[in-house]
C-alpha cells in the first residue's frame, strides 16, 4: 500500500501545480527590485566618467571581493527579470494580447543582455585591474560601462511601453495607471539623451544614475502588484 500511495502523494505536491509556478514567476519582479537595491549597496558608488587611474584602481582593486559578490548576485538577478517578463507575457497572451507580450519579451532580452554586459565589465575590471597595468584600457572600459547604462534606456523604455499598452489593452489596468506608464516611458526614454559633459544630464549624472533607474523599478513594482492581485490564468501557462 505504501508503494501505491507514493504516486498519489507526489501528484498532490504544490510544486506540481501550475498555479504555484505562475505565482512564483509573477513575484519575480519584486525579487528583481529587492536584489537590485541590495546589489547596488554591495557594489558601492561607481566612479564617474573620466575618473583618474588612481580612483579606478582604488575602487575596482581595493574592494575586489565586494564587487565580485555583487556581480554574482546581479547575474542571478537577471534571471528574475527574464522570468518576470515571461510571466507578464503569459498573462497578456491569456488576455489575447500576445503581441505586446512578445514585445516585452524582446525588450527584456535586450535589456538583460546589456545588463549582463555591464556586470561582466565590472567583474573583469575588479578581477584583473592590478594585473593589467594598462590604465588607458581600464579607463576606457569604465567609461564604456557608463555608455552602456545610458543606451540601456531604450530597451527599458520599450519594456515599460509593452507592459503599459499590453495591460491597458487587456483591461487589466486603469486609464490612470496607463497614463503613469506612458509618463514613465517618456522619462526613461529621455535617459538615452544624457550625453552632456558634466552635471545632472551627464552619463554619470543624477538623472542617469538615480532618476531613470528608480522610475523603471517603480514601474516593475506596479506591474508586479497588478499580476499578483489577479487570479491565475484559465489555461496552464507553466
C-alpha atoms as a PDB file:
ATOM      1  CA  UNK A   1       0.000   0.000   0.000  1.00  0.00           C
ATOM      2  CA  UNK A   2       2.859   2.348   0.688  1.00  0.00           C
ATOM      3  CA  UNK A   3       4.107   1.828  -2.870  1.00  0.00           C
ATOM      4  CA  UNK A   4       0.724   2.613  -4.432  1.00  0.00           C
ATOM      5  CA  UNK A   5       0.280   5.668  -2.241  1.00  0.00           C
ATOM      6  CA  UNK A   6       3.595   7.200  -3.304  1.00  0.00           C
ATOM      7  CA  UNK A   7       2.413   8.467  -6.725  1.00  0.00           C
ATOM      8  CA  UNK A   8      -0.685   9.970  -5.143  1.00  0.00           C
ATOM      9  CA  UNK A   9       1.407  11.841  -2.582  1.00  0.00           C
ATOM     10  CA  UNK A  10       3.772  13.057  -5.274  1.00  0.00           C
ATOM     11  CA  UNK A  11       0.958  14.280  -7.507  1.00  0.00           C
ATOM     12  CA  UNK A  12      -0.546  16.302  -4.650  1.00  0.00           C
ATOM     13  CA  UNK A  13       2.690  18.246  -4.187  1.00  0.00           C
ATOM     14  CA  UNK A  14       2.157  22.009  -4.599  1.00  0.00           C
ATOM     15  CA  UNK A  15       5.286  22.149  -6.765  1.00  0.00           C
ATOM     16  CA  UNK A  16       3.420  20.189  -9.455  1.00  0.00           C
ATOM     17  CA  UNK A  17       0.724  22.835  -9.616  1.00  0.00           C
ATOM     18  CA  UNK A  18       0.869  25.389 -12.440  1.00  0.00           C
ATOM     19  CA  UNK A  19      -0.623  27.949 -10.036  1.00  0.00           C
ATOM     20  CA  UNK A  20       2.429  27.652  -7.780  1.00  0.00           C
ATOM     21  CA  UNK A  21       4.866  28.362 -10.613  1.00  0.00           C
ATOM     22  CA  UNK A  22       2.715  31.134 -12.039  1.00  0.00           C
ATOM     23  CA  UNK A  23       2.618  32.961  -8.714  1.00  0.00           C
ATOM     24  CA  UNK A  24       6.350  32.375  -8.195  1.00  0.00           C
ATOM     25  CA  UNK A  25       7.297  33.971 -11.511  1.00  0.00           C
ATOM     26  CA  UNK A  26       4.774  36.772 -11.044  1.00  0.00           C
ATOM     27  CA  UNK A  27       6.646  37.657  -7.843  1.00  0.00           C
ATOM     28  CA  UNK A  28       9.998  37.633  -9.691  1.00  0.00           C
ATOM     29  CA  UNK A  29       9.537  41.345 -10.444  1.00  0.00           C
ATOM     30  CA  UNK A  30       9.568  42.198  -6.747  1.00  0.00           C
ATOM     31  CA  UNK A  31      12.539  39.867  -6.280  1.00  0.00           C
ATOM     32  CA  UNK A  32      14.367  41.765  -9.045  1.00  0.00           C
ATOM     33  CA  UNK A  33      13.740  45.124  -7.373  1.00  0.00           C
ATOM     34  CA  UNK A  34      14.890  43.900  -3.949  1.00  0.00           C
ATOM     35  CA  UNK A  35      18.026  42.219  -5.283  1.00  0.00           C
ATOM     36  CA  UNK A  36      18.839  45.252  -7.446  1.00  0.00           C
ATOM     37  CA  UNK A  37      18.777  47.573  -4.435  1.00  0.00           C
ATOM     38  CA  UNK A  38      20.818  45.125  -2.326  1.00  0.00           C
ATOM     39  CA  UNK A  39      23.467  44.615  -5.008  1.00  0.00           C
ATOM     40  CA  UNK A  40      23.769  48.374  -5.535  1.00  0.00           C
ATOM     41  CA  UNK A  41      24.598  48.803  -1.852  1.00  0.00           C
ATOM     42  CA  UNK A  42      27.118  45.961  -2.007  1.00  0.00           C
ATOM     43  CA  UNK A  43      28.708  47.236  -5.224  1.00  0.00           C
ATOM     44  CA  UNK A  44      29.168  50.779  -3.930  1.00  0.00           C
ATOM     45  CA  UNK A  45      29.060  54.100  -5.769  1.00  0.00           C
ATOM     46  CA  UNK A  46      30.519  53.726  -9.228  1.00  0.00           C
ATOM     47  CA  UNK A  47      33.127  56.396 -10.104  1.00  0.00           C
ATOM     48  CA  UNK A  48      32.043  58.843 -12.770  1.00  0.00           C
ATOM     49  CA  UNK A  49      33.283  59.176 -16.326  1.00  0.00           C
ATOM     50  CA  UNK A  50      36.819  60.449 -16.728  1.00  0.00           C
ATOM     51  CA  UNK A  51      37.805  59.265 -13.242  1.00  0.00           C
ATOM     52  CA  UNK A  52      41.539  59.178 -12.569  1.00  0.00           C
ATOM     53  CA  UNK A  53      43.509  55.957 -12.803  1.00  0.00           C
ATOM     54  CA  UNK A  54      44.145  56.072  -9.053  1.00  0.00           C
ATOM     55  CA  UNK A  55      40.416  56.371  -8.337  1.00  0.00           C
ATOM     56  CA  UNK A  56      39.572  53.450 -10.605  1.00  0.00           C
ATOM     57  CA  UNK A  57      42.287  51.241  -9.141  1.00  0.00           C
ATOM     58  CA  UNK A  58      41.134  52.079  -5.623  1.00  0.00           C
ATOM     59  CA  UNK A  59      37.515  51.264  -6.489  1.00  0.00           C
ATOM     60  CA  UNK A  60      37.953  48.104  -8.544  1.00  0.00           C
ATOM     61  CA  UNK A  61      41.047  46.809  -6.794  1.00  0.00           C
ATOM     62  CA  UNK A  62      40.513  47.982  -3.234  1.00  0.00           C
ATOM     63  CA  UNK A  63      37.126  46.240  -2.847  1.00  0.00           C
ATOM     64  CA  UNK A  64      37.554  43.446  -5.348  1.00  0.00           C
ATOM     65  CA  UNK A  65      35.729  40.809  -3.280  1.00  0.00           C
ATOM     66  CA  UNK A  66      32.741  43.084  -2.670  1.00  0.00           C
ATOM     67  CA  UNK A  67      32.362  43.847  -6.378  1.00  0.00           C
ATOM     68  CA  UNK A  68      32.660  40.189  -7.403  1.00  0.00           C
ATOM     69  CA  UNK A  69      30.000  39.189  -4.853  1.00  0.00           C
ATOM     70  CA  UNK A  70      27.688  41.905  -6.173  1.00  0.00           C
ATOM     71  CA  UNK A  71      28.394  40.758  -9.737  1.00  0.00           C
ATOM     72  CA  UNK A  72      27.431  37.173  -8.950  1.00  0.00           C
ATOM     73  CA  UNK A  73      24.192  38.279  -7.272  1.00  0.00           C
ATOM     74  CA  UNK A  74      23.425  40.633 -10.158  1.00  0.00           C
ATOM     75  CA  UNK A  75      23.891  37.794 -12.632  1.00  0.00           C
ATOM     76  CA  UNK A  76      21.313  35.767 -10.744  1.00  0.00           C
ATOM     77  CA  UNK A  77      19.055  38.805 -10.649  1.00  0.00           C
ATOM     78  CA  UNK A  78      18.996  38.993 -14.444  1.00  0.00           C
ATOM     79  CA  UNK A  79      17.134  35.687 -14.295  1.00  0.00           C
ATOM     80  CA  UNK A  80      14.473  37.269 -12.073  1.00  0.00           C
ATOM     81  CA  UNK A  81      13.864  39.942 -14.705  1.00  0.00           C
ATOM     82  CA  UNK A  82      13.598  37.415 -17.525  1.00  0.00           C
ATOM     83  CA  UNK A  83      11.254  35.154 -15.554  1.00  0.00           C
ATOM     84  CA  UNK A  84       9.053  38.118 -14.687  1.00  0.00           C
ATOM     85  CA  UNK A  85       8.905  39.190 -18.326  1.00  0.00           C
ATOM     86  CA  UNK A  86       7.829  35.642 -19.192  1.00  0.00           C
ATOM     87  CA  UNK A  87       5.095  35.827 -16.535  1.00  0.00           C
ATOM     88  CA  UNK A  88       3.820  39.109 -17.982  1.00  0.00           C
ATOM     89  CA  UNK A  89       3.797  37.610 -21.462  1.00  0.00           C
ATOM     90  CA  UNK A  90       1.780  34.616 -20.248  1.00  0.00           C
ATOM     91  CA  UNK A  91      -0.733  36.973 -18.638  1.00  0.00           C
ATOM     92  CA  UNK A  92      -1.031  39.084 -21.785  1.00  0.00           C
ATOM     93  CA  UNK A  93      -1.324  36.019 -24.008  1.00  0.00           C
ATOM     94  CA  UNK A  94      -4.166  34.716 -21.842  1.00  0.00           C
ATOM     95  CA  UNK A  95      -5.883  38.087 -22.333  1.00  0.00           C
ATOM     96  CA  UNK A  96      -5.399  37.980 -26.101  1.00  0.00           C
ATOM     97  CA  UNK A  97      -2.541  40.489 -26.202  1.00  0.00           C
ATOM     98  CA  UNK A  98       0.323  38.189 -27.130  1.00  0.00           C
ATOM     99  CA  UNK A  99       1.831  40.781 -29.483  1.00  0.00           C
ATOM    100  CA  UNK A 100       2.537  43.157 -26.612  1.00  0.00           C
ATOM    101  CA  UNK A 101       3.784  40.225 -24.564  1.00  0.00           C
ATOM    102  CA  UNK A 102       6.230  39.269 -27.328  1.00  0.00           C
ATOM    103  CA  UNK A 103       7.456  42.872 -27.478  1.00  0.00           C
ATOM    104  CA  UNK A 104       8.062  42.777 -23.729  1.00  0.00           C
ATOM    105  CA  UNK A 105       9.998  39.527 -24.053  1.00  0.00           C
ATOM    106  CA  UNK A 106      12.216  41.021 -26.772  1.00  0.00           C
ATOM    107  CA  UNK A 107      12.812  44.182 -24.720  1.00  0.00           C
ATOM    108  CA  UNK A 108      13.647  42.208 -21.574  1.00  0.00           C
ATOM    109  CA  UNK A 109      16.125  40.082 -23.544  1.00  0.00           C
ATOM    110  CA  UNK A 110      17.811  43.205 -24.971  1.00  0.00           C
ATOM    111  CA  UNK A 111      17.978  44.907 -21.589  1.00  0.00           C
ATOM    112  CA  UNK A 112      19.083  41.695 -19.884  1.00  0.00           C
ATOM    113  CA  UNK A 113      21.907  41.370 -22.415  1.00  0.00           C
ATOM    114  CA  UNK A 114      23.127  44.930 -21.780  1.00  0.00           C
ATOM    115  CA  UNK A 115      22.753  44.447 -18.029  1.00  0.00           C
ATOM    116  CA  UNK A 116      24.797  41.249 -18.215  1.00  0.00           C
ATOM    117  CA  UNK A 117      27.448  43.049 -20.309  1.00  0.00           C
ATOM    118  CA  UNK A 118      27.665  45.760 -17.647  1.00  0.00           C
ATOM    119  CA  UNK A 119      28.034  43.148 -14.896  1.00  0.00           C
ATOM    120  CA  UNK A 120      30.766  41.414 -16.904  1.00  0.00           C
ATOM    121  CA  UNK A 121      32.700  44.654 -17.370  1.00  0.00           C
ATOM    122  CA  UNK A 122      32.667  45.400 -13.645  1.00  0.00           C
ATOM    123  CA  UNK A 123      33.670  41.864 -12.709  1.00  0.00           C
ATOM    124  CA  UNK A 124      36.501  41.812 -15.278  1.00  0.00           C
ATOM    125  CA  UNK A 125      37.903  45.122 -14.053  1.00  0.00           C
ATOM    126  CA  UNK A 126      37.704  44.059 -10.421  1.00  0.00           C
ATOM    127  CA  UNK A 127      39.317  40.714 -11.201  1.00  0.00           C
ATOM    128  CA  UNK A 128      42.291  41.995 -13.209  1.00  0.00           C
ATOM    129  CA  UNK A 129      42.716  45.742 -12.652  1.00  0.00           C
ATOM    130  CA  UNK A 130      46.033  45.297 -10.814  1.00  0.00           C
ATOM    131  CA  UNK A 131      47.371  42.680 -13.202  1.00  0.00           C
ATOM    132  CA  UNK A 132      46.552  44.557 -16.417  1.00  0.00           C
ATOM    133  CA  UNK A 133      48.831  47.530 -15.813  1.00  0.00           C
ATOM    134  CA  UNK A 134      47.104  49.312 -18.708  1.00  0.00           C
ATOM    135  CA  UNK A 135      45.477  52.374 -17.184  1.00  0.00           C
ATOM    136  CA  UNK A 136      44.139  53.660 -20.507  1.00  0.00           C
ATOM    137  CA  UNK A 137      42.325  50.376 -21.153  1.00  0.00           C
ATOM    138  CA  UNK A 138      40.832  50.359 -17.647  1.00  0.00           C
ATOM    139  CA  UNK A 139      39.599  53.952 -18.044  1.00  0.00           C
ATOM    140  CA  UNK A 140      38.182  53.173 -21.493  1.00  0.00           C
ATOM    141  CA  UNK A 141      36.279  50.110 -20.303  1.00  0.00           C
ATOM    142  CA  UNK A 142      34.950  52.028 -17.303  1.00  0.00           C
ATOM    143  CA  UNK A 143      33.609  54.853 -19.486  1.00  0.00           C
ATOM    144  CA  UNK A 144      32.204  52.264 -21.906  1.00  0.00           C
ATOM    145  CA  UNK A 145      30.178  50.931 -18.974  1.00  0.00           C
ATOM    146  CA  UNK A 146      28.582  54.340 -18.488  1.00  0.00           C
ATOM    147  CA  UNK A 147      27.711  54.428 -22.207  1.00  0.00           C
ATOM    148  CA  UNK A 148      26.000  51.045 -21.791  1.00  0.00           C
ATOM    149  CA  UNK A 149      23.971  52.417 -18.878  1.00  0.00           C
ATOM    150  CA  UNK A 150      22.774  55.362 -20.983  1.00  0.00           C
ATOM    151  CA  UNK A 151      21.924  53.252 -24.043  1.00  0.00           C
ATOM    152  CA  UNK A 152      20.071  50.701 -21.921  1.00  0.00           C
ATOM    153  CA  UNK A 153      17.383  53.386 -21.607  1.00  0.00           C
ATOM    154  CA  UNK A 154      15.944  52.333 -24.972  1.00  0.00           C
ATOM    155  CA  UNK A 155      15.154  48.661 -24.214  1.00  0.00           C
ATOM    156  CA  UNK A 156      13.994  49.725 -20.741  1.00  0.00           C
ATOM    157  CA  UNK A 157      11.594  52.202 -22.334  1.00  0.00           C
ATOM    158  CA  UNK A 158      10.320  49.529 -24.737  1.00  0.00           C
ATOM    159  CA  UNK A 159       9.764  47.186 -21.802  1.00  0.00           C
ATOM    160  CA  UNK A 160       7.695  49.808 -19.997  1.00  0.00           C
ATOM    161  CA  UNK A 161       5.754  50.586 -23.168  1.00  0.00           C
ATOM    162  CA  UNK A 162       4.906  46.958 -23.950  1.00  0.00           C
ATOM    163  CA  UNK A 163       3.658  46.310 -20.430  1.00  0.00           C
ATOM    164  CA  UNK A 164       1.726  49.585 -20.163  1.00  0.00           C
ATOM    165  CA  UNK A 165      -0.040  49.262 -23.520  1.00  0.00           C
ATOM    166  CA  UNK A 166      -0.492  45.493 -23.234  1.00  0.00           C
ATOM    167  CA  UNK A 167      -2.064  45.579 -19.780  1.00  0.00           C
ATOM    168  CA  UNK A 168      -4.221  48.566 -20.725  1.00  0.00           C
ATOM    169  CA  UNK A 169      -5.444  46.925 -23.940  1.00  0.00           C
ATOM    170  CA  UNK A 170      -6.211  43.802 -21.914  1.00  0.00           C
ATOM    171  CA  UNK A 171      -8.220  45.964 -19.472  1.00  0.00           C
ATOM    172  CA  UNK A 172      -6.005  44.870 -16.590  1.00  0.00           C
ATOM    173  CA  UNK A 173      -5.015  48.397 -15.535  1.00  0.00           C
ATOM    174  CA  UNK A 174      -6.961  51.631 -15.271  1.00  0.00           C
ATOM    175  CA  UNK A 175      -6.559  54.665 -17.510  1.00  0.00           C
ATOM    176  CA  UNK A 176      -4.722  56.399 -14.668  1.00  0.00           C
ATOM    177  CA  UNK A 177      -2.161  53.589 -14.385  1.00  0.00           C
ATOM    178  CA  UNK A 178      -1.819  53.578 -18.165  1.00  0.00           C
ATOM    179  CA  UNK A 179      -1.052  57.314 -18.086  1.00  0.00           C
ATOM    180  CA  UNK A 180       1.515  56.625 -15.379  1.00  0.00           C
ATOM    181  CA  UNK A 181       3.125  54.008 -17.610  1.00  0.00           C
ATOM    182  CA  UNK A 182       3.257  56.403 -20.570  1.00  0.00           C
ATOM    183  CA  UNK A 183       4.868  59.061 -18.359  1.00  0.00           C
ATOM    184  CA  UNK A 184       7.416  56.504 -17.140  1.00  0.00           C
ATOM    185  CA  UNK A 185       8.092  55.514 -20.741  1.00  0.00           C
ATOM    186  CA  UNK A 186       8.864  59.099 -21.760  1.00  0.00           C
ATOM    187  CA  UNK A 187      11.034  59.797 -18.711  1.00  0.00           C
ATOM    188  CA  UNK A 188      13.088  56.621 -19.144  1.00  0.00           C
ATOM    189  CA  UNK A 189      13.417  57.257 -22.878  1.00  0.00           C
ATOM    190  CA  UNK A 190      14.887  60.671 -22.090  1.00  0.00           C
ATOM    191  CA  UNK A 191      17.650  58.864 -20.221  1.00  0.00           C
ATOM    192  CA  UNK A 192      19.092  57.906 -23.597  1.00  0.00           C
ATOM    193  CA  UNK A 193      19.913  61.569 -24.258  1.00  0.00           C
ATOM    194  CA  UNK A 194      22.081  62.157 -21.175  1.00  0.00           C
ATOM    195  CA  UNK A 195      25.299  62.963 -23.019  1.00  0.00           C
ATOM    196  CA  UNK A 196      26.165  66.365 -21.513  1.00  0.00           C
ATOM    197  CA  UNK A 197      29.801  66.717 -20.436  1.00  0.00           C
ATOM    198  CA  UNK A 198      29.001  67.000 -16.738  1.00  0.00           C
ATOM    199  CA  UNK A 199      26.233  67.777 -14.289  1.00  0.00           C
ATOM    200  CA  UNK A 200      22.678  66.478 -13.924  1.00  0.00           C
ATOM    201  CA  UNK A 201      22.321  65.404 -17.581  1.00  0.00           C
ATOM    202  CA  UNK A 202      25.715  63.730 -17.939  1.00  0.00           C
ATOM    203  CA  UNK A 203      26.086  59.946 -18.429  1.00  0.00           C
ATOM    204  CA  UNK A 204      27.152  59.727 -14.775  1.00  0.00           C
ATOM    205  CA  UNK A 205      24.787  62.477 -13.635  1.00  0.00           C
ATOM    206  CA  UNK A 206      21.891  62.208 -11.206  1.00  0.00           C
ATOM    207  CA  UNK A 207      19.292  61.528 -13.920  1.00  0.00           C
ATOM    208  CA  UNK A 208      21.129  58.565 -15.421  1.00  0.00           C
ATOM    209  CA  UNK A 209      22.428  57.323 -12.081  1.00  0.00           C
ATOM    210  CA  UNK A 210      19.283  57.628  -9.943  1.00  0.00           C
ATOM    211  CA  UNK A 211      16.141  59.085 -11.568  1.00  0.00           C
ATOM    212  CA  UNK A 212      15.802  56.842 -14.623  1.00  0.00           C
ATOM    213  CA  UNK A 213      16.558  53.547 -12.797  1.00  0.00           C
ATOM    214  CA  UNK A 214      14.165  54.393  -9.957  1.00  0.00           C
ATOM    215  CA  UNK A 215      11.353  55.091 -12.434  1.00  0.00           C
ATOM    216  CA  UNK A 216      11.920  51.693 -14.037  1.00  0.00           C
ATOM    217  CA  UNK A 217      11.974  49.925 -10.674  1.00  0.00           C
ATOM    218  CA  UNK A 218       8.771  51.675  -9.609  1.00  0.00           C
ATOM    219  CA  UNK A 219       7.006  50.506 -12.774  1.00  0.00           C
ATOM    220  CA  UNK A 220       8.119  46.914 -12.175  1.00  0.00           C
ATOM    221  CA  UNK A 221       6.623  47.124  -8.673  1.00  0.00           C
ATOM    222  CA  UNK A 222       3.342  48.431 -10.116  1.00  0.00           C
ATOM    223  CA  UNK A 223       3.134  45.671 -12.734  1.00  0.00           C
ATOM    224  CA  UNK A 224       4.033  43.070 -10.091  1.00  0.00           C
ATOM    225  CA  UNK A 225       1.167  44.260  -7.915  1.00  0.00           C
ATOM    226  CA  UNK A 226      -1.232  44.055 -10.871  1.00  0.00           C
ATOM    227  CA  UNK A 227      -0.209  40.483 -11.644  1.00  0.00           C
ATOM    228  CA  UNK A 228      -0.182  39.273  -8.046  1.00  0.00           C
ATOM    229  CA  UNK A 229      -3.696  40.566  -7.384  1.00  0.00           C
ATOM    230  CA  UNK A 230      -5.121  38.730 -10.398  1.00  0.00           C
ATOM    231  CA  UNK A 231      -6.488  35.202 -10.375  1.00  0.00           C
ATOM    232  CA  UNK A 232      -4.374  32.509 -12.037  1.00  0.00           C
ATOM    233  CA  UNK A 233      -4.755  32.117 -15.763  1.00  0.00           C
ATOM    234  CA  UNK A 234      -7.538  29.896 -17.075  1.00  0.00           C
ATOM    235  CA  UNK A 235      -5.032  27.896 -19.109  1.00  0.00           C
ATOM    236  CA  UNK A 236      -1.853  26.309 -17.802  1.00  0.00           C
ATOM    237  CA  UNK A 237       0.985  28.585 -18.878  1.00  0.00           C
ATOM    238  CA  UNK A 238       3.542  26.794 -16.721  1.00  0.00           C
END
